[in-house]
Amino acid sequence: MAGKPRKQFTYPQVFWKQPWEWLSRYRDINTHLTMAFYGGISLAMLGYAVLYQKLLWWQAIGLFVAGTFTWTFTEYLLHRFVLHYVEENPTIQRWHNFMHGAHHDIPRDLRFVTASPFVTLPIAVVFWVLFWLLLGWQWVWAFFAGFGVGYSLYEYVHYAIHRYPHPPLPFLRGLWQNHNLHHFKTPERRFGVTTTFWDWVFGTKGAA
């Protein structure tokens, strides 16, 4: 006897008008290629800082580490105040759904895990200009190299958490647990992905 027909699963409507439809074609981005792209640019910047800006090794390492640490703070701020910002305005709602809303609707769909370079590259240029104005030409390269590597690691950690049910190494268990709780229990808390440090600092860690 034939059973009831299975309900067809449909993905949430992510794009309603241009340019959303055009951008949607590029959401199926391979995380490893994204890491290679930004990681390669970052390492080239570090090489440029050392070879052409004549930084001492300890200066280059210090700026690189500072840039990576700054990324973790930026990651927290962007996730909390930009990706989770939504209001009644239809345009903001569409943008939120494109940037992050669809990812929360279907967190296991890897198409919505890695951000499109069509979105992230212009943002990266804005950050580079900001850091250049703050640090100057000589120091910005090593600093932004660390910032870019931090972003690359963020994309991979985020992908791995959604791709693999268990962390490959025991010390990563806390990150897996933290981000899964963010998705399935406390979506307005636990905004750190590569670290929970800023959640502790700003009181958004939440109960287990």
N, C-alpha and C. Protein backbone atom coordinates (compact mmCIF):
# COMPACT_ATOMS: atom_id res chain seq x y z
N MET A 1 0.85 -1.20 0.00
CA MET A 1 0.00 0.00 0.00
C MET A 1 0.88 1.24 0.00
N ALA A 2 0.59 2.13 -0.88
CA ALA A 2 1.41 3.33 -1.01
C ALA A 2 1.19 4.23 0.19
N GLY A 3 2.27 4.75 0.72
CA GLY A 3 2.17 5.67 1.85
C GLY A 3 1.90 7.08 1.38
N LYS A 4 1.80 7.96 2.34
CA LYS A 4 1.57 9.36 2.02
C LYS A 4 2.79 9.93 1.31
N PRO A 5 2.58 10.77 0.32
CA PRO A 5 3.73 11.37 -0.37
C PRO A 5 4.55 12.24 0.58
N ARG A 6 5.86 12.18 0.45
CA ARG A 6 6.74 12.95 1.32
C ARG A 6 6.65 14.42 0.97
N LYS A 7 6.64 15.23 1.98
CA LYS A 7 6.58 16.67 1.78
C LYS A 7 7.90 17.15 1.18
N GLN A 8 7.79 17.89 0.11
CA GLN A 8 8.99 18.40 -0.57
C GLN A 8 9.61 19.52 0.24
N PHE A 9 10.90 19.38 0.58
CA PHE A 9 11.59 20.42 1.34
C PHE A 9 11.97 21.56 0.41
N THR A 10 11.68 22.75 0.83
CA THR A 10 12.05 23.93 0.05
C THR A 10 12.94 24.82 0.87
N TYR A 11 13.94 25.38 0.22
CA TYR A 11 14.84 26.30 0.90
C TYR A 11 14.16 27.64 1.11
N PRO A 12 14.58 28.37 2.12
CA PRO A 12 13.97 29.69 2.36
C PRO A 12 14.23 30.63 1.19
N GLN A 13 13.32 31.55 0.99
CA GLN A 13 13.48 32.51 -0.10
C GLN A 13 14.53 33.53 0.31
N VAL A 14 15.70 33.40 -0.26
CA VAL A 14 16.82 34.23 0.14
C VAL A 14 16.85 35.53 -0.66
N PHE A 15 16.48 35.47 -1.93
CA PHE A 15 16.61 36.64 -2.80
C PHE A 15 15.28 36.94 -3.47
N TRP A 16 14.86 38.17 -3.40
CA TRP A 16 13.58 38.57 -3.97
C TRP A 16 13.75 39.46 -5.19
N LYS A 17 14.71 40.34 -5.18
CA LYS A 17 14.91 41.28 -6.26
C LYS A 17 16.40 41.39 -6.58
N GLN A 18 16.70 41.95 -7.73
CA GLN A 18 18.09 42.24 -8.04
C GLN A 18 18.61 43.28 -7.05
N PRO A 19 19.91 43.19 -6.62
CA PRO A 19 20.95 42.25 -7.10
C PRO A 19 20.99 40.93 -6.35
N TRP A 20 19.96 40.64 -5.54
CA TRP A 20 20.01 39.44 -4.72
C TRP A 20 20.08 38.17 -5.57
N GLU A 21 19.30 38.12 -6.66
CA GLU A 21 19.33 36.93 -7.51
C GLU A 21 20.72 36.73 -8.12
N TRP A 22 21.34 37.84 -8.54
CA TRP A 22 22.67 37.74 -9.15
C TRP A 22 23.70 37.26 -8.13
N LEU A 23 23.65 37.82 -6.93
CA LEU A 23 24.61 37.43 -5.91
C LEU A 23 24.40 35.98 -5.47
N SER A 24 23.15 35.51 -5.53
CA SER A 24 22.86 34.16 -5.04
C SER A 24 23.60 33.09 -5.83
N ARG A 25 23.94 33.39 -7.06
CA ARG A 25 24.63 32.40 -7.89
C ARG A 25 26.02 32.07 -7.35
N TYR A 26 26.57 32.91 -6.51
CA TYR A 26 27.94 32.74 -6.05
C TYR A 26 28.02 32.35 -4.58
N ARG A 27 26.91 31.87 -3.99
CA ARG A 27 26.94 31.46 -2.60
C ARG A 27 27.53 30.07 -2.42
N ASP A 28 27.54 29.27 -3.47
CA ASP A 28 28.09 27.92 -3.36
C ASP A 28 29.61 28.00 -3.54
N ILE A 29 30.27 28.60 -2.54
CA ILE A 29 31.70 28.86 -2.60
C ILE A 29 32.45 27.78 -1.83
N ASN A 30 33.50 27.25 -2.43
CA ASN A 30 34.33 26.26 -1.76
C ASN A 30 35.17 26.94 -0.68
N THR A 31 35.01 26.49 0.55
CA THR A 31 35.71 27.12 1.68
C THR A 31 37.22 27.04 1.52
N HIS A 32 37.71 25.93 1.01
CA HIS A 32 39.15 25.77 0.86
C HIS A 32 39.72 26.76 -0.17
N LEU A 33 38.97 27.02 -1.24
CA LEU A 33 39.42 28.01 -2.20
C LEU A 33 39.40 29.42 -1.61
N THR A 34 38.39 29.70 -0.80
CA THR A 34 38.33 30.99 -0.12
C THR A 34 39.50 31.17 0.82
N MET A 35 39.83 30.12 1.57
CA MET A 35 40.98 30.17 2.46
C MET A 35 42.27 30.38 1.68
N ALA A 36 42.40 29.66 0.58
CA ALA A 36 43.61 29.79 -0.23
C ALA A 36 43.74 31.20 -0.79
N PHE A 37 42.63 31.78 -1.22
CA PHE A 37 42.63 33.12 -1.79
C PHE A 37 43.07 34.15 -0.76
N TYR A 38 42.38 34.20 0.36
CA TYR A 38 42.70 35.20 1.38
C TYR A 38 44.00 34.86 2.11
N GLY A 39 44.24 33.57 2.34
CA GLY A 39 45.49 33.19 2.98
C GLY A 39 46.69 33.53 2.12
N GLY A 40 46.56 33.30 0.79
CA GLY A 40 47.65 33.63 -0.11
C GLY A 40 47.93 35.13 -0.16
N ILE A 41 46.86 35.93 -0.23
CA ILE A 41 47.04 37.39 -0.22
C ILE A 41 47.70 37.84 1.08
N SER A 42 47.28 37.26 2.18
CA SER A 42 47.83 37.64 3.49
C SER A 42 49.31 37.32 3.60
N LEU A 43 49.70 36.13 3.14
CA LEU A 43 51.11 35.76 3.20
C LEU A 43 51.95 36.63 2.25
N ALA A 44 51.37 36.99 1.10
CA ALA A 44 52.08 37.90 0.19
C ALA A 44 52.28 39.26 0.84
N MET A 45 51.29 39.73 1.58
CA MET A 45 51.43 40.99 2.31
C MET A 45 52.52 40.91 3.37
N LEU A 46 52.59 39.78 4.06
CA LEU A 46 53.63 39.60 5.06
C LEU A 46 55.01 39.60 4.41
N GLY A 47 55.14 38.92 3.28
CA GLY A 47 56.41 38.93 2.56
C GLY A 47 56.79 40.32 2.10
N TYR A 48 55.81 41.07 1.62
CA TYR A 48 56.07 42.45 1.19
C TYR A 48 56.53 43.30 2.36
N ALA A 49 55.92 43.11 3.52
CA ALA A 49 56.30 43.89 4.70
C ALA A 49 57.74 43.62 5.11
N VAL A 50 58.14 42.36 5.03
CA VAL A 50 59.49 41.99 5.47
C VAL A 50 60.54 42.37 4.44
N LEU A 51 60.26 42.10 3.17
CA LEU A 51 61.26 42.28 2.12
C LEU A 51 61.38 43.73 1.63
N TYR A 52 60.25 44.42 1.57
CA TYR A 52 60.25 45.75 0.96
C TYR A 52 60.05 46.89 1.95
N GLN A 53 59.37 46.61 3.05
CA GLN A 53 59.21 47.63 4.07
C GLN A 53 60.28 47.54 5.15
N LYS A 54 61.15 46.55 5.03
CA LYS A 54 62.32 46.41 5.89
C LYS A 54 61.97 46.34 7.37
N LEU A 55 60.89 45.64 7.69
CA LEU A 55 60.56 45.45 9.09
C LEU A 55 61.50 44.44 9.73
N LEU A 56 61.83 44.66 10.98
CA LEU A 56 62.58 43.67 11.73
C LEU A 56 61.66 42.48 12.01
N TRP A 57 62.27 41.32 12.23
CA TRP A 57 61.45 40.11 12.38
C TRP A 57 60.48 40.23 13.54
N TRP A 58 60.93 40.84 14.66
CA TRP A 58 60.05 40.95 15.81
C TRP A 58 58.93 41.97 15.56
N GLN A 59 59.20 42.98 14.74
CA GLN A 59 58.15 43.92 14.38
C GLN A 59 57.09 43.23 13.51
N ALA A 60 57.55 42.45 12.53
CA ALA A 60 56.62 41.75 11.65
C ALA A 60 55.76 40.76 12.43
N ILE A 61 56.39 40.00 13.33
CA ILE A 61 55.64 39.02 14.12
C ILE A 61 54.65 39.73 15.05
N GLY A 62 55.10 40.81 15.68
CA GLY A 62 54.22 41.54 16.57
C GLY A 62 53.00 42.12 15.87
N LEU A 63 53.23 42.70 14.69
CA LEU A 63 52.12 43.26 13.93
C LEU A 63 51.19 42.16 13.42
N PHE A 64 51.76 41.04 12.99
CA PHE A 64 50.97 39.92 12.51
C PHE A 64 50.06 39.38 13.62
N VAL A 65 50.62 39.17 14.80
CA VAL A 65 49.83 38.67 15.93
C VAL A 65 48.76 39.68 16.33
N ALA A 66 49.12 40.96 16.33
CA ALA A 66 48.15 42.01 16.66
C ALA A 66 47.00 42.02 15.65
N GLY A 67 47.32 41.81 14.38
CA GLY A 67 46.28 41.76 13.36
C GLY A 67 45.35 40.58 13.54
N THR A 68 45.91 39.42 13.88
CA THR A 68 45.09 38.24 14.11
C THR A 68 44.18 38.44 15.30
N PHE A 69 44.72 39.01 16.38
CA PHE A 69 43.92 39.28 17.57
C PHE A 69 42.82 40.29 17.27
N THR A 70 43.15 41.30 16.45
CA THR A 70 42.14 42.28 16.06
C THR A 70 41.04 41.64 15.25
N TRP A 71 41.38 40.64 14.43
CA TRP A 71 40.33 39.95 13.69
C TRP A 71 39.33 39.30 14.65
N THR A 72 39.79 38.66 15.73
CA THR A 72 38.86 37.98 16.64
C THR A 72 37.85 38.98 17.22
N PHE A 73 38.31 40.19 17.51
CA PHE A 73 37.42 41.23 18.01
C PHE A 73 36.45 41.68 16.91
N THR A 74 36.97 41.84 15.70
CA THR A 74 36.13 42.23 14.56
C THR A 74 35.10 41.16 14.26
N GLU A 75 35.52 39.91 14.31
CA GLU A 75 34.60 38.78 14.11
C GLU A 75 33.42 38.86 15.08
N TYR A 76 33.72 39.12 16.34
CA TYR A 76 32.66 39.21 17.35
C TYR A 76 31.72 40.38 17.05
N LEU A 77 32.28 41.55 16.75
CA LEU A 77 31.46 42.73 16.50
C LEU A 77 30.58 42.55 15.26
N LEU A 78 31.17 42.03 14.17
CA LEU A 78 30.41 41.84 12.94
C LEU A 78 29.28 40.83 13.14
N HIS A 79 29.61 39.74 13.82
CA HIS A 79 28.60 38.70 14.03
C HIS A 79 27.46 39.22 14.90
N ARG A 80 27.81 39.92 15.95
CA ARG A 80 26.79 40.37 16.90
C ARG A 80 25.95 41.54 16.37
N PHE A 81 26.63 42.56 15.84
CA PHE A 81 25.93 43.81 15.54
C PHE A 81 25.58 44.01 14.06
N VAL A 82 26.21 43.25 13.17
CA VAL A 82 25.92 43.38 11.74
C VAL A 82 25.12 42.18 11.24
N LEU A 83 25.65 40.98 11.40
CA LEU A 83 24.99 39.80 10.86
C LEU A 83 23.68 39.48 11.58
N HIS A 84 23.56 39.90 12.82
CA HIS A 84 22.32 39.65 13.56
C HIS A 84 21.43 40.88 13.65
N TYR A 85 21.75 41.90 12.88
CA TYR A 85 20.92 43.10 12.87
C TYR A 85 19.80 42.94 11.85
N VAL A 86 18.57 43.12 12.30
CA VAL A 86 17.42 43.03 11.39
C VAL A 86 16.32 43.93 11.94
N GLU A 87 15.56 44.51 11.05
CA GLU A 87 14.42 45.34 11.44
C GLU A 87 13.33 45.17 10.40
N GLU A 88 12.27 45.98 10.51
CA GLU A 88 11.10 45.81 9.65
C GLU A 88 11.34 46.23 8.20
N ASN A 89 12.36 47.04 7.96
CA ASN A 89 12.64 47.51 6.61
C ASN A 89 12.87 46.31 5.68
N PRO A 90 12.09 46.18 4.58
CA PRO A 90 12.23 45.01 3.70
C PRO A 90 13.62 44.84 3.10
N THR A 91 14.26 45.95 2.76
CA THR A 91 15.60 45.86 2.18
C THR A 91 16.59 45.29 3.19
N ILE A 92 16.53 45.75 4.44
CA ILE A 92 17.41 45.24 5.48
C ILE A 92 17.10 43.77 5.76
N GLN A 93 15.83 43.40 5.70
CA GLN A 93 15.48 42.00 5.91
C GLN A 93 16.05 41.12 4.80
N ARG A 94 15.99 41.58 3.56
CA ARG A 94 16.56 40.80 2.46
C ARG A 94 18.07 40.67 2.60
N TRP A 95 18.71 41.80 2.95
CA TRP A 95 20.16 41.77 3.14
C TRP A 95 20.55 40.84 4.28
N HIS A 96 19.80 40.90 5.39
CA HIS A 96 20.08 40.02 6.53
C HIS A 96 19.92 38.56 6.14
N ASN A 97 18.89 38.26 5.36
CA ASN A 97 18.67 36.88 4.95
C ASN A 97 19.79 36.38 4.04
N PHE A 98 20.27 37.28 3.18
CA PHE A 98 21.38 36.92 2.30
C PHE A 98 22.67 36.70 3.09
N MET A 99 22.95 37.60 4.04
CA MET A 99 24.20 37.55 4.76
C MET A 99 24.23 36.46 5.83
N HIS A 100 23.11 36.26 6.54
CA HIS A 100 23.18 35.37 7.70
C HIS A 100 21.88 34.65 8.03
N GLY A 101 20.75 35.24 7.66
CA GLY A 101 19.48 34.65 8.05
C GLY A 101 19.27 33.25 7.50
N ALA A 102 19.57 33.05 6.22
CA ALA A 102 19.40 31.72 5.61
C ALA A 102 20.31 30.69 6.28
N HIS A 103 21.48 31.13 6.71
CA HIS A 103 22.40 30.22 7.39
C HIS A 103 21.80 29.72 8.69
N HIS A 104 21.09 30.59 9.41
CA HIS A 104 20.45 30.16 10.65
C HIS A 104 19.21 29.31 10.38
N ASP A 105 18.54 29.56 9.26
CA ASP A 105 17.37 28.75 8.92
C ASP A 105 17.76 27.32 8.60
N ILE A 106 18.87 27.14 7.88
CA ILE A 106 19.32 25.80 7.48
C ILE A 106 20.83 25.69 7.73
N PRO A 107 21.22 25.59 9.00
CA PRO A 107 22.65 25.65 9.35
C PRO A 107 23.49 24.50 8.81
N ARG A 108 22.85 23.40 8.43
CA ARG A 108 23.63 22.27 7.91
C ARG A 108 23.84 22.35 6.40
N ASP A 109 23.26 23.34 5.77
CA ASP A 109 23.47 23.52 4.33
C ASP A 109 24.76 24.30 4.13
N LEU A 110 25.77 23.63 3.61
CA LEU A 110 27.10 24.23 3.51
C LEU A 110 27.17 25.36 2.49
N ARG A 111 26.14 25.49 1.64
CA ARG A 111 26.14 26.59 0.69
C ARG A 111 26.04 27.94 1.38
N PHE A 112 25.52 27.95 2.60
CA PHE A 112 25.31 29.21 3.30
C PHE A 112 26.30 29.41 4.44
N VAL A 113 27.40 28.66 4.43
CA VAL A 113 28.38 28.74 5.51
C VAL A 113 29.48 29.74 5.19
N THR A 114 30.06 29.64 4.01
CA THR A 114 31.17 30.51 3.62
C THR A 114 30.66 31.73 2.87
N ALA A 115 31.07 32.90 3.31
CA ALA A 115 30.61 34.14 2.69
C ALA A 115 31.18 34.28 1.28
N SER A 116 30.39 34.89 0.41
CA SER A 116 30.82 35.10 -0.97
C SER A 116 31.90 36.17 -1.05
N PRO A 117 32.98 35.93 -1.81
CA PRO A 117 34.00 36.97 -2.01
C PRO A 117 33.45 38.24 -2.64
N PHE A 118 32.34 38.13 -3.36
CA PHE A 118 31.73 39.33 -3.94
C PHE A 118 31.26 40.28 -2.84
N VAL A 119 31.04 39.73 -1.65
CA VAL A 119 30.67 40.56 -0.50
C VAL A 119 31.89 40.88 0.35
N THR A 120 32.72 39.88 0.62
CA THR A 120 33.80 40.06 1.58
C THR A 120 34.98 40.87 1.04
N LEU A 121 35.26 40.78 -0.26
CA LEU A 121 36.42 41.49 -0.79
C LEU A 121 36.28 43.01 -0.68
N PRO A 122 35.14 43.60 -1.06
CA PRO A 122 35.00 45.05 -0.85
C PRO A 122 35.10 45.45 0.63
N ILE A 123 34.57 44.60 1.52
CA ILE A 123 34.68 44.89 2.95
C ILE A 123 36.13 44.83 3.39
N ALA A 124 36.88 43.86 2.87
CA ALA A 124 38.30 43.74 3.21
C ALA A 124 39.07 44.99 2.77
N VAL A 125 38.74 45.54 1.61
CA VAL A 125 39.40 46.75 1.13
C VAL A 125 39.12 47.92 2.08
N VAL A 126 37.88 48.01 2.56
CA VAL A 126 37.52 49.08 3.50
C VAL A 126 38.34 48.94 4.78
N PHE A 127 38.48 47.73 5.29
CA PHE A 127 39.27 47.52 6.50
C PHE A 127 40.74 47.85 6.25
N TRP A 128 41.26 47.47 5.08
CA TRP A 128 42.66 47.77 4.78
C TRP A 128 42.89 49.28 4.79
N VAL A 129 42.01 50.04 4.17
CA VAL A 129 42.14 51.50 4.15
C VAL A 129 42.09 52.06 5.56
N LEU A 130 41.18 51.53 6.36
CA LEU A 130 41.06 52.00 7.75
C LEU A 130 42.36 51.76 8.52
N PHE A 131 42.91 50.56 8.41
CA PHE A 131 44.15 50.25 9.12
C PHE A 131 45.33 51.02 8.55
N TRP A 132 45.34 51.28 7.26
CA TRP A 132 46.39 52.09 6.64
C TRP A 132 46.37 53.51 7.22
N LEU A 133 45.18 54.08 7.37
CA LEU A 133 45.07 55.42 7.94
C LEU A 133 45.51 55.44 9.41
N LEU A 134 45.27 54.35 10.11
CA LEU A 134 45.63 54.30 11.52
C LEU A 134 47.11 53.98 11.75
N LEU A 135 47.66 53.09 10.93
CA LEU A 135 49.00 52.57 11.17
C LEU A 135 50.07 53.13 10.25
N GLY A 136 49.67 53.55 9.06
CA GLY A 136 50.65 54.01 8.09
C GLY A 136 51.05 52.91 7.13
N TRP A 137 51.70 53.33 6.04
CA TRP A 137 52.04 52.42 4.94
C TRP A 137 52.98 51.30 5.36
N GLN A 138 53.96 51.62 6.19
CA GLN A 138 54.99 50.63 6.52
C GLN A 138 54.44 49.50 7.39
N TRP A 139 53.57 49.81 8.32
CA TRP A 139 53.11 48.81 9.28
C TRP A 139 51.83 48.10 8.87
N VAL A 140 51.07 48.68 7.94
CA VAL A 140 49.76 48.11 7.65
C VAL A 140 49.86 46.73 7.02
N TRP A 141 50.92 46.46 6.27
CA TRP A 141 50.99 45.20 5.53
C TRP A 141 51.10 43.99 6.44
N ALA A 142 52.00 44.02 7.39
CA ALA A 142 52.15 42.89 8.31
C ALA A 142 50.92 42.75 9.21
N PHE A 143 50.37 43.89 9.63
CA PHE A 143 49.19 43.86 10.47
C PHE A 143 48.01 43.24 9.72
N PHE A 144 47.80 43.69 8.48
CA PHE A 144 46.66 43.18 7.72
C PHE A 144 46.87 41.73 7.30
N ALA A 145 48.13 41.31 7.18
CA ALA A 145 48.40 39.90 6.91
C ALA A 145 47.85 39.04 8.04
N GLY A 146 48.10 39.44 9.27
CA GLY A 146 47.54 38.72 10.41
C GLY A 146 46.03 38.77 10.45
N PHE A 147 45.48 39.92 10.11
CA PHE A 147 44.03 40.10 10.06
C PHE A 147 43.41 39.15 9.02
N GLY A 148 44.05 39.05 7.85
CA GLY A 148 43.56 38.18 6.79
C GLY A 148 43.67 36.72 7.13
N VAL A 149 44.77 36.32 7.76
CA VAL A 149 44.92 34.93 8.18
C VAL A 149 43.87 34.59 9.24
N GLY A 150 43.61 35.54 10.15
CA GLY A 150 42.56 35.33 11.14
C GLY A 150 41.21 35.09 10.48
N TYR A 151 40.92 35.87 9.44
CA TYR A 151 39.66 35.67 8.72
C TYR A 151 39.62 34.31 8.03
N SER A 152 40.73 33.92 7.41
CA SER A 152 40.79 32.63 6.73
C SER A 152 40.55 31.48 7.71
N LEU A 153 41.16 31.57 8.89
CA LEU A 153 40.95 30.55 9.91
C LEU A 153 39.51 30.54 10.39
N TYR A 154 38.93 31.73 10.51
CA TYR A 154 37.52 31.81 10.90
C TYR A 154 36.63 31.06 9.90
N GLU A 155 36.86 31.30 8.61
CA GLU A 155 36.03 30.64 7.60
C GLU A 155 36.17 29.12 7.69
N TYR A 156 37.39 28.63 7.91
CA TYR A 156 37.56 27.19 7.97
C TYR A 156 36.96 26.60 9.25
N VAL A 157 37.19 27.25 10.39
CA VAL A 157 36.61 26.76 11.65
C VAL A 157 35.09 26.73 11.56
N HIS A 158 34.53 27.79 10.99
CA HIS A 158 33.07 27.85 10.84
C HIS A 158 32.58 26.73 9.93
N TYR A 159 33.27 26.52 8.82
CA TYR A 159 32.91 25.44 7.91
C TYR A 159 33.03 24.08 8.59
N ALA A 160 34.14 23.87 9.31
CA ALA A 160 34.38 22.56 9.93
C ALA A 160 33.33 22.25 10.99
N ILE A 161 32.91 23.26 11.75
CA ILE A 161 31.90 23.04 12.78
C ILE A 161 30.60 22.56 12.15
N HIS A 162 30.24 23.14 10.99
CA HIS A 162 29.00 22.75 10.33
C HIS A 162 29.16 21.50 9.48
N ARG A 163 30.37 21.21 9.09
CA ARG A 163 30.62 20.04 8.23
C ARG A 163 30.79 18.76 9.04
N TYR A 164 31.48 18.84 10.17
CA TYR A 164 31.82 17.65 10.94
C TYR A 164 31.12 17.70 12.30
N PRO A 165 30.42 16.65 12.68
CA PRO A 165 29.68 16.67 13.96
C PRO A 165 30.59 16.70 15.18
N HIS A 166 31.83 16.24 15.02
CA HIS A 166 32.76 16.21 16.16
C HIS A 166 34.07 16.87 15.76
N PRO A 167 34.70 17.58 16.68
CA PRO A 167 35.97 18.25 16.35
C PRO A 167 37.09 17.23 16.14
N PRO A 168 38.05 17.55 15.27
CA PRO A 168 39.14 16.60 15.02
C PRO A 168 40.10 16.48 16.19
N LEU A 169 40.17 17.51 17.03
CA LEU A 169 41.07 17.50 18.18
C LEU A 169 40.28 17.85 19.44
N PRO A 170 40.59 17.21 20.57
CA PRO A 170 39.80 17.42 21.80
C PRO A 170 39.72 18.88 22.26
N PHE A 171 40.83 19.65 22.08
CA PHE A 171 40.82 21.00 22.60
C PHE A 171 39.89 21.94 21.82
N LEU A 172 39.39 21.47 20.66
CA LEU A 172 38.44 22.26 19.88
C LEU A 172 36.98 22.00 20.27
N ARG A 173 36.77 21.09 21.21
CA ARG A 173 35.41 20.70 21.57
C ARG A 173 34.60 21.91 22.05
N GLY A 174 35.25 22.81 22.77
CA GLY A 174 34.55 23.98 23.29
C GLY A 174 34.00 24.87 22.19
N LEU A 175 34.76 25.03 21.10
CA LEU A 175 34.28 25.85 19.98
C LEU A 175 33.10 25.20 19.29
N TRP A 176 33.16 23.88 19.12
CA TRP A 176 32.05 23.15 18.50
C TRP A 176 30.78 23.32 19.34
N GLN A 177 30.93 23.11 20.64
CA GLN A 177 29.77 23.20 21.53
C GLN A 177 29.22 24.63 21.55
N ASN A 178 30.12 25.61 21.62
CA ASN A 178 29.70 27.00 21.71
C ASN A 178 28.89 27.42 20.48
N HIS A 179 29.37 27.06 19.29
CA HIS A 179 28.69 27.52 18.08
C HIS A 179 27.38 26.76 17.85
N ASN A 180 27.36 25.50 18.19
CA ASN A 180 26.11 24.76 18.06
C ASN A 180 25.05 25.27 19.03
N LEU A 181 25.45 25.67 20.22
CA LEU A 181 24.51 26.28 21.15
C LEU A 181 24.01 27.61 20.61
N HIS A 182 24.90 28.34 19.93
CA HIS A 182 24.47 29.60 19.31
C HIS A 182 23.36 29.36 18.30
N HIS A 183 23.49 28.30 17.51
CA HIS A 183 22.51 28.03 16.47
C HIS A 183 21.21 27.45 17.01
N PHE A 184 21.32 26.54 17.95
CA PHE A 184 20.15 25.74 18.32
C PHE A 184 19.57 26.06 19.69
N LYS A 185 20.23 26.94 20.46
CA LYS A 185 19.69 27.25 21.79
C LYS A 185 19.69 28.74 22.09
N THR A 186 20.80 29.42 21.83
CA THR A 186 20.91 30.83 22.21
C THR A 186 21.41 31.65 21.01
N PRO A 187 20.56 31.88 20.00
CA PRO A 187 21.02 32.60 18.81
C PRO A 187 21.40 34.05 19.06
N GLU A 188 20.97 34.63 20.18
CA GLU A 188 21.34 36.01 20.50
C GLU A 188 22.48 36.09 21.50
N ARG A 189 23.21 34.99 21.64
CA ARG A 189 24.39 34.95 22.49
C ARG A 189 25.45 34.10 21.78
N ARG A 190 26.64 34.01 22.38
CA ARG A 190 27.72 33.15 21.87
C ARG A 190 28.09 33.52 20.44
N PHE A 191 28.57 34.72 20.24
CA PHE A 191 28.86 35.21 18.89
C PHE A 191 30.28 34.87 18.42
N GLY A 192 31.16 34.49 19.31
CA GLY A 192 32.51 34.12 18.90
C GLY A 192 32.51 32.77 18.20
N VAL A 193 33.32 32.65 17.15
CA VAL A 193 33.45 31.39 16.43
C VAL A 193 34.84 30.80 16.62
N THR A 194 35.86 31.59 16.38
CA THR A 194 37.23 31.09 16.55
C THR A 194 37.71 31.19 17.99
N THR A 195 37.00 31.96 18.81
CA THR A 195 37.34 32.08 20.23
C THR A 195 36.10 32.50 21.00
N THR A 196 36.03 32.11 22.25
CA THR A 196 34.93 32.55 23.12
C THR A 196 35.36 33.70 24.03
N PHE A 197 36.57 34.21 23.80
CA PHE A 197 37.14 35.24 24.68
C PHE A 197 36.24 36.47 24.77
N TRP A 198 35.79 36.99 23.62
CA TRP A 198 35.01 38.23 23.64
C TRP A 198 33.61 38.01 24.19
N ASP A 199 33.08 36.80 24.08
CA ASP A 199 31.81 36.52 24.74
C ASP A 199 31.94 36.61 26.26
N TRP A 200 33.09 36.15 26.78
CA TRP A 200 33.34 36.30 28.21
C TRP A 200 33.49 37.77 28.58
N VAL A 201 34.20 38.51 27.77
CA VAL A 201 34.45 39.93 28.08
C VAL A 201 33.15 40.72 28.11
N PHE A 202 32.26 40.49 27.14
CA PHE A 202 31.05 41.29 27.00
C PHE A 202 29.80 40.63 27.57
N GLY A 203 29.98 39.51 28.27
CA GLY A 203 28.87 38.90 28.96
C GLY A 203 27.83 38.25 28.08
N THR A 204 28.24 37.75 26.91
CA THR A 204 27.30 37.09 26.00
C THR A 204 27.58 35.58 25.90
N LYS A 205 28.31 35.07 26.86
CA LYS A 205 28.65 33.65 26.82
C LYS A 205 27.41 32.79 26.99
N GLY A 206 26.56 33.11 27.97
CA GLY A 206 25.33 32.37 28.16
C GLY A 206 25.53 31.09 28.94
N ALA A 207 24.43 30.54 29.40
CA ALA A 207 24.49 29.30 30.16
C ALA A 207 24.60 28.12 29.21
N ALA A 208 25.25 27.06 29.68
CA ALA A 208 25.43 25.86 28.85
C ALA A 208 24.12 25.15 28.64
